[in-house]
Protein backbone atom coordinates (compact mmCIF):
# COMPACT_ATOMS: atom_id res chain seq x y z
CA UNK A 1 -258.47 28.22 36.82
CA UNK A 2 -256.60 28.60 33.52
CA UNK A 3 -255.31 32.04 34.53
CA UNK A 4 -253.95 30.62 37.79
CA UNK A 5 -252.03 27.84 36.01
CA UNK A 6 -250.57 30.38 33.57
CA UNK A 7 -249.46 32.55 36.48
CA UNK A 8 -247.88 29.55 38.19
CA UNK A 9 -246.08 28.55 34.98
CA UNK A 10 -244.82 32.10 34.48
CA UNK A 11 -243.51 32.28 38.04
CA UNK A 12 -241.76 28.93 37.62
CA UNK A 13 -240.16 30.16 34.38
CA UNK A 14 -238.94 33.41 35.97
CA UNK A 15 -237.50 31.47 38.91
CA UNK A 16 -235.69 29.07 36.57
CA UNK A 17 -234.27 31.90 34.48
CA UNK A 18 -233.09 33.76 37.57
CA UNK A 19 -231.54 30.64 39.06
CA UNK A 20 -229.68 29.52 35.93
CA UNK A 21 -228.87 32.83 34.23
CA UNK A 22 -227.20 34.26 37.31
CA UNK A 23 -224.65 31.44 37.41
CA UNK A 24 -221.52 31.76 35.31
CA UNK A 25 -221.28 28.96 32.75
CA UNK A 26 -218.37 26.55 33.00
CA UNK A 27 -215.69 26.39 30.33
CA UNK A 28 -217.14 23.01 29.33
CA UNK A 29 -220.59 24.53 28.79
CA UNK A 30 -219.09 27.32 26.68
CA UNK A 31 -217.07 24.80 24.65
CA UNK A 32 -220.31 23.00 23.72
CA UNK A 33 -221.71 26.10 21.97
CA UNK A 34 -221.29 25.68 18.20
CA UNK A 35 -219.70 28.45 16.15
CA UNK A 36 -220.95 29.76 12.84
CA UNK A 37 -218.71 31.33 10.20
CA UNK A 38 -219.54 34.67 8.62
CA UNK A 39 -220.01 32.91 5.26
CA UNK A 40 -222.60 30.57 6.84
CA UNK A 41 -224.31 33.39 8.74
CA UNK A 42 -224.77 35.99 5.99
CA UNK A 43 -227.41 34.10 3.92
CA UNK A 44 -229.36 33.20 7.07
CA UNK A 45 -229.31 36.82 8.26
CA UNK A 46 -230.34 38.10 4.82
CA UNK A 47 -233.41 35.81 4.88
CA UNK A 48 -234.23 36.69 8.52
CA UNK A 49 -233.93 32.96 9.21
CA UNK A 50 -232.12 33.52 12.54
CA UNK A 51 -232.61 35.65 15.62
CA UNK A 52 -229.40 37.65 15.91
CA UNK A 53 -228.44 38.84 19.37
CA UNK A 54 -225.77 41.43 20.06
CA UNK A 55 -224.33 40.84 23.53
CA UNK A 56 -222.36 44.10 23.71
CA UNK A 57 -223.35 46.83 26.14
CA UNK A 58 -226.28 49.07 25.11
CA UNK A 59 -223.99 51.98 24.13
CA UNK A 60 -222.02 49.82 21.69
CA UNK A 61 -225.28 48.39 20.33
CA UNK A 62 -226.84 51.83 19.86
CA UNK A 63 -223.75 53.11 18.04
CA UNK A 64 -224.06 50.33 15.46
CA UNK A 65 -225.20 46.73 15.19
CA UNK A 66 -226.10 44.08 12.63
CA UNK A 67 -229.52 45.02 11.16
CA UNK A 68 -232.37 43.38 13.03
CA UNK A 69 -230.22 42.34 15.99
CA UNK A 70 -231.66 42.25 19.50
CA UNK A 71 -229.47 43.63 22.30
CA UNK A 72 -229.07 40.98 25.02
CA UNK A 73 -226.09 42.02 27.09
CA UNK A 74 -224.69 39.77 29.80
CA UNK A 75 -226.49 41.75 32.51
CA UNK A 76 -229.85 41.59 30.65
CA UNK A 77 -230.19 37.81 30.30
CA UNK A 78 -232.81 37.54 33.04
CA UNK A 79 -234.87 40.25 31.36
CA UNK A 80 -234.41 39.21 27.73
CA UNK A 81 -234.32 35.42 28.12
CA UNK A 82 -238.08 35.03 27.73
CA UNK A 83 -238.09 37.09 24.51
CA UNK A 84 -235.35 34.90 23.05
CA UNK A 85 -237.18 31.72 24.11
CA UNK A 86 -240.42 32.88 22.46
CA UNK A 87 -238.72 33.38 19.10
CA UNK A 88 -238.63 29.97 17.41
CA UNK A 89 -235.80 30.77 14.98
CA UNK A 90 -232.26 29.54 15.57
CA UNK A 91 -230.21 32.09 17.56
CA UNK A 92 -226.83 33.56 16.61
CA UNK A 93 -224.96 35.59 19.23
CA UNK A 94 -222.10 37.99 18.57
CA UNK A 95 -219.82 40.33 20.49
CA UNK A 96 -216.71 42.41 19.80
CA UNK A 97 -214.23 40.67 22.07
CA UNK A 98 -211.40 38.29 21.23
CA UNK A 99 -212.39 34.65 20.78
CA UNK A 100 -216.12 35.46 21.08
CA UNK A 101 -215.90 35.21 24.89
CA UNK A 102 -218.93 37.35 25.83
CA UNK A 103 -221.15 35.77 23.18
CA UNK A 104 -220.11 32.30 24.40
CA UNK A 105 -221.04 33.25 27.99
CA UNK A 106 -224.46 34.56 26.92
CA UNK A 107 -225.08 31.61 24.57
CA UNK A 108 -224.23 29.10 27.31
CA UNK A 109 -226.51 30.91 29.78
CA UNK A 110 -229.37 30.96 27.26
CA UNK A 111 -228.84 27.26 26.56
CA UNK A 112 -229.17 26.62 30.32
CA UNK A 113 -232.62 28.24 30.35
CA UNK A 114 -233.87 26.25 27.37
CA UNK A 115 -232.76 27.93 24.13
CA UNK A 116 -232.20 24.88 21.93
CA UNK A 117 -230.50 26.10 18.76
CA UNK A 118 -227.88 28.73 19.56
CA UNK A 119 -224.57 29.43 17.88
CA UNK A 120 -221.86 32.07 18.13
CA UNK A 121 -220.68 34.13 15.15
CA UNK A 122 -216.94 33.63 14.60
CA UNK A 123 -215.21 37.03 14.63
CA UNK A 124 -218.41 38.72 15.78
CA UNK A 125 -218.93 42.43 15.27
CA UNK A 126 -215.37 43.02 14.07
CA UNK A 127 -215.64 40.37 11.32
CA UNK A 128 -219.04 41.74 10.25
CA UNK A 129 -217.84 45.31 9.85
CA UNK A 130 -214.49 44.31 8.31
CA UNK A 131 -216.40 42.35 5.65
CA UNK A 132 -218.49 45.44 4.85
CA UNK A 133 -221.70 44.20 6.47
CA UNK A 134 -224.54 46.67 6.78
CA UNK A 135 -224.74 48.56 10.07
CA UNK A 136 -227.92 49.74 11.76
CA UNK A 137 -227.75 52.58 14.29
CA UNK A 138 -230.33 53.07 17.04
CA UNK A 139 -231.94 56.51 16.66
CA UNK A 140 -231.55 58.86 19.66
CA UNK A 141 -234.38 58.54 22.17
């Protein structure tokens, strides 16, 4: 009986993620996502106190990303949402676009599916590299 209730719960979760993640967030929902400065982020990242998600496409991620970051591109939210939800650390999203637009979209979508503590890194990838932050490259597969 326990296995059946777990299966039912998993199916309900997948349905909720698919329903909510596929919808574009409103500007109001994106405006509610808090932003985190690079100065605030660096000590948290150094202590592994946050789950960092890189919302750029996989090629950009593979070429270089913040060490320890998880690639959760806009098209992968349905797939990666459960992994982000299971991690109990606060979440910080970043991208490489002006005004953190892509990271705000992903953060708002993740908030819709239940991620409670999510922020966006001000300046994102460009601020990180400009400040001399360490870069991790994905080895060729």
